[in-house]
């Protein structure tokens, strides 16, 4: 099992950092944002997208598999 850094609820991550934390591709992060499953922010006139650690943790909780079934 790969050891990953913990996700801090108050931290702000780029899409690339979020992908690395979760062990998924950047394109998957983009799909999660587009589908509304992962909340992100992009201030006006800035190209960079920001993702709060709490948003990542919320997404993981909302999509958690319980007793073999999705939440």
N, C-alpha and C. Protein backbone atom coordinates (compact mmCIF):
# COMPACT_ATOMS: atom_id res chain seq x y z
N UNK A 1 0.84 -1.18 0.00
CA UNK A 1 0.00 0.00 0.00
C UNK A 1 0.89 1.24 0.00
N UNK A 2 0.53 2.21 -0.83
CA UNK A 2 1.30 3.44 -0.94
C UNK A 2 0.94 4.37 0.20
N UNK A 3 1.97 4.89 0.87
CA UNK A 3 1.75 5.85 1.96
C UNK A 3 1.58 7.25 1.35
N UNK A 4 0.45 7.89 1.63
CA UNK A 4 0.16 9.22 1.10
C UNK A 4 0.10 10.22 2.26
N UNK A 5 0.36 11.47 1.93
CA UNK A 5 0.23 12.53 2.92
C UNK A 5 -1.23 12.67 3.33
N UNK A 6 -1.48 13.07 4.58
CA UNK A 6 -2.88 13.27 4.99
C UNK A 6 -3.47 14.50 4.30
N UNK A 7 -4.78 14.50 4.16
CA UNK A 7 -5.50 15.64 3.58
C UNK A 7 -5.93 16.52 4.74
N UNK A 8 -5.48 17.77 4.73
CA UNK A 8 -5.80 18.71 5.80
C UNK A 8 -7.03 19.53 5.41
N UNK A 9 -8.07 19.52 6.22
CA UNK A 9 -9.32 20.20 5.88
C UNK A 9 -9.15 21.69 5.59
N UNK A 10 -8.23 22.37 6.29
CA UNK A 10 -8.06 23.81 6.12
C UNK A 10 -7.06 24.18 5.03
N UNK A 11 -6.41 23.19 4.44
CA UNK A 11 -5.42 23.46 3.39
C UNK A 11 -6.13 23.74 2.06
N UNK A 12 -5.42 24.44 1.17
CA UNK A 12 -5.93 24.71 -0.17
C UNK A 12 -4.96 24.06 -1.15
N UNK A 13 -5.52 23.26 -2.07
CA UNK A 13 -4.72 22.48 -3.00
C UNK A 13 -5.02 22.88 -4.44
N UNK A 14 -4.04 22.71 -5.31
CA UNK A 14 -4.26 22.85 -6.75
C UNK A 14 -4.89 21.54 -7.24
N UNK A 15 -5.36 21.54 -8.48
CA UNK A 15 -5.90 20.28 -9.04
C UNK A 15 -4.81 19.22 -9.09
N UNK A 16 -3.60 19.61 -9.43
CA UNK A 16 -2.49 18.66 -9.50
C UNK A 16 -2.18 18.07 -8.14
N UNK A 17 -2.17 18.91 -7.11
CA UNK A 17 -1.89 18.44 -5.75
C UNK A 17 -3.00 17.51 -5.26
N UNK A 18 -4.25 17.86 -5.56
CA UNK A 18 -5.37 17.01 -5.15
C UNK A 18 -5.29 15.65 -5.83
N UNK A 19 -4.95 15.64 -7.11
CA UNK A 19 -4.81 14.38 -7.84
C UNK A 19 -3.73 13.52 -7.21
N UNK A 20 -2.60 14.15 -6.88
CA UNK A 20 -1.50 13.40 -6.27
C UNK A 20 -1.90 12.85 -4.90
N UNK A 21 -2.58 13.66 -4.09
CA UNK A 21 -3.02 13.21 -2.77
C UNK A 21 -3.94 12.00 -2.86
N UNK A 22 -4.81 11.99 -3.88
CA UNK A 22 -5.78 10.91 -4.04
C UNK A 22 -5.25 9.74 -4.86
N UNK A 23 -4.11 9.94 -5.52
CA UNK A 23 -3.55 8.88 -6.35
C UNK A 23 -4.34 8.65 -7.62
N UNK A 24 -4.89 9.74 -8.17
CA UNK A 24 -5.66 9.65 -9.41
C UNK A 24 -5.10 10.65 -10.41
N UNK A 25 -5.56 10.58 -11.64
CA UNK A 25 -5.04 11.46 -12.69
C UNK A 25 -5.68 12.84 -12.61
N UNK A 26 -4.99 13.80 -13.22
CA UNK A 26 -5.52 15.16 -13.31
C UNK A 26 -6.84 15.18 -14.07
N UNK A 27 -6.95 14.36 -15.11
CA UNK A 27 -8.20 14.33 -15.88
C UNK A 27 -9.36 13.81 -15.03
N UNK A 28 -9.09 12.90 -14.10
CA UNK A 28 -10.15 12.41 -13.20
C UNK A 28 -10.59 13.53 -12.26
N UNK A 29 -9.63 14.30 -11.75
CA UNK A 29 -9.98 15.44 -10.89
C UNK A 29 -10.87 16.41 -11.67
N UNK A 30 -10.50 16.70 -12.91
CA UNK A 30 -11.30 17.61 -13.73
C UNK A 30 -12.71 17.07 -13.95
N UNK A 31 -12.84 15.76 -14.15
CA UNK A 31 -14.17 15.15 -14.33
C UNK A 31 -14.99 15.24 -13.05
N UNK A 32 -14.35 15.01 -11.91
CA UNK A 32 -15.06 15.10 -10.63
C UNK A 32 -15.59 16.52 -10.40
N UNK A 33 -14.77 17.52 -10.76
CA UNK A 33 -15.20 18.91 -10.62
C UNK A 33 -16.35 19.21 -11.58
N UNK A 34 -16.21 18.80 -12.83
CA UNK A 34 -17.25 19.05 -13.84
C UNK A 34 -18.57 18.38 -13.48
N UNK A 35 -18.48 17.19 -12.87
CA UNK A 35 -19.68 16.45 -12.49
C UNK A 35 -20.31 16.97 -11.20
N UNK A 36 -19.64 17.93 -10.56
CA UNK A 36 -20.17 18.48 -9.31
C UNK A 36 -19.90 17.62 -8.10
N UNK A 37 -19.07 16.61 -8.25
CA UNK A 37 -18.76 15.73 -7.12
C UNK A 37 -17.66 16.30 -6.23
N UNK A 38 -16.83 17.18 -6.79
CA UNK A 38 -15.74 17.80 -6.04
C UNK A 38 -15.86 19.31 -6.20
N UNK A 39 -16.02 20.00 -5.08
CA UNK A 39 -16.18 21.45 -5.09
C UNK A 39 -14.82 22.12 -5.26
N UNK A 40 -14.76 23.09 -6.14
CA UNK A 40 -13.53 23.83 -6.40
C UNK A 40 -13.87 25.29 -6.64
N UNK A 41 -12.86 26.14 -6.55
CA UNK A 41 -13.04 27.58 -6.76
C UNK A 41 -12.05 28.08 -7.79
N UNK A 42 -12.51 29.02 -8.60
CA UNK A 42 -11.61 29.72 -9.51
C UNK A 42 -12.02 31.19 -9.49
N UNK A 43 -11.24 32.00 -8.76
CA UNK A 43 -11.55 33.42 -8.70
C UNK A 43 -11.50 34.05 -10.09
N UNK A 44 -12.31 35.07 -10.28
CA UNK A 44 -12.36 35.77 -11.55
C UNK A 44 -10.98 36.30 -11.91
N UNK A 45 -10.63 36.23 -13.14
CA UNK A 45 -9.36 36.71 -13.72
C UNK A 45 -8.14 35.89 -13.30
N UNK A 46 -8.36 34.74 -12.67
CA UNK A 46 -7.25 33.84 -12.31
C UNK A 46 -7.50 32.50 -12.97
N UNK A 47 -6.48 31.96 -13.61
CA UNK A 47 -6.63 30.67 -14.29
C UNK A 47 -6.58 29.48 -13.33
N UNK A 48 -5.91 29.65 -12.20
CA UNK A 48 -5.70 28.55 -11.28
C UNK A 48 -7.00 28.17 -10.56
N UNK A 49 -7.17 26.87 -10.34
CA UNK A 49 -8.32 26.33 -9.62
C UNK A 49 -7.86 25.93 -8.23
N UNK A 50 -8.66 26.27 -7.22
CA UNK A 50 -8.33 25.95 -5.84
C UNK A 50 -9.33 24.95 -5.28
N UNK A 51 -8.81 23.99 -4.52
CA UNK A 51 -9.66 22.96 -3.91
C UNK A 51 -9.33 22.90 -2.43
N UNK A 52 -10.33 23.12 -1.59
CA UNK A 52 -10.12 23.03 -0.14
C UNK A 52 -10.03 21.56 0.27
N UNK A 53 -9.18 21.30 1.22
CA UNK A 53 -9.05 19.95 1.75
C UNK A 53 -10.38 19.43 2.26
N UNK A 54 -11.18 20.31 2.85
CA UNK A 54 -12.49 19.89 3.35
C UNK A 54 -13.39 19.42 2.21
N UNK A 55 -13.24 20.01 1.02
CA UNK A 55 -14.04 19.58 -0.14
C UNK A 55 -13.65 18.17 -0.58
N UNK A 56 -12.35 17.88 -0.53
CA UNK A 56 -11.88 16.54 -0.88
C UNK A 56 -12.44 15.53 0.13
N UNK A 57 -12.34 15.86 1.42
CA UNK A 57 -12.82 14.95 2.45
C UNK A 57 -14.34 14.77 2.37
N UNK A 58 -15.07 15.84 2.05
CA UNK A 58 -16.54 15.74 1.88
C UNK A 58 -16.88 14.81 0.72
N UNK A 59 -16.16 14.95 -0.40
CA UNK A 59 -16.41 14.09 -1.55
C UNK A 59 -16.16 12.63 -1.20
N UNK A 60 -15.08 12.38 -0.46
CA UNK A 60 -14.78 11.00 -0.08
C UNK A 60 -15.87 10.43 0.84
N UNK A 61 -16.37 11.25 1.74
CA UNK A 61 -17.42 10.79 2.65
C UNK A 61 -18.74 10.55 1.90
N UNK A 62 -19.09 11.47 0.99
CA UNK A 62 -20.35 11.35 0.25
C UNK A 62 -20.35 10.17 -0.72
N UNK A 63 -19.20 9.77 -1.17
CA UNK A 63 -19.11 8.66 -2.13
C UNK A 63 -18.61 7.37 -1.50
N UNK A 64 -18.56 7.35 -0.18
CA UNK A 64 -18.06 6.17 0.54
C UNK A 64 -18.95 4.95 0.27
N UNK A 65 -18.32 3.82 0.12
CA UNK A 65 -19.04 2.56 -0.09
C UNK A 65 -19.34 1.95 1.28
N UNK A 66 -20.62 1.70 1.51
CA UNK A 66 -21.05 1.12 2.79
C UNK A 66 -21.71 -0.23 2.51
N UNK A 67 -21.26 -1.24 3.19
CA UNK A 67 -21.83 -2.58 3.03
C UNK A 67 -21.93 -3.02 1.58
N UNK A 68 -20.88 -2.68 0.81
CA UNK A 68 -20.86 -3.10 -0.58
C UNK A 68 -21.67 -2.24 -1.53
N UNK A 69 -22.26 -1.15 -1.01
CA UNK A 69 -23.09 -0.27 -1.84
C UNK A 69 -22.60 1.16 -1.72
N UNK A 70 -22.68 1.92 -2.80
CA UNK A 70 -22.31 3.33 -2.76
C UNK A 70 -23.26 4.08 -1.85
N UNK A 71 -22.74 5.18 -1.29
CA UNK A 71 -23.55 5.99 -0.37
C UNK A 71 -24.75 6.59 -1.05
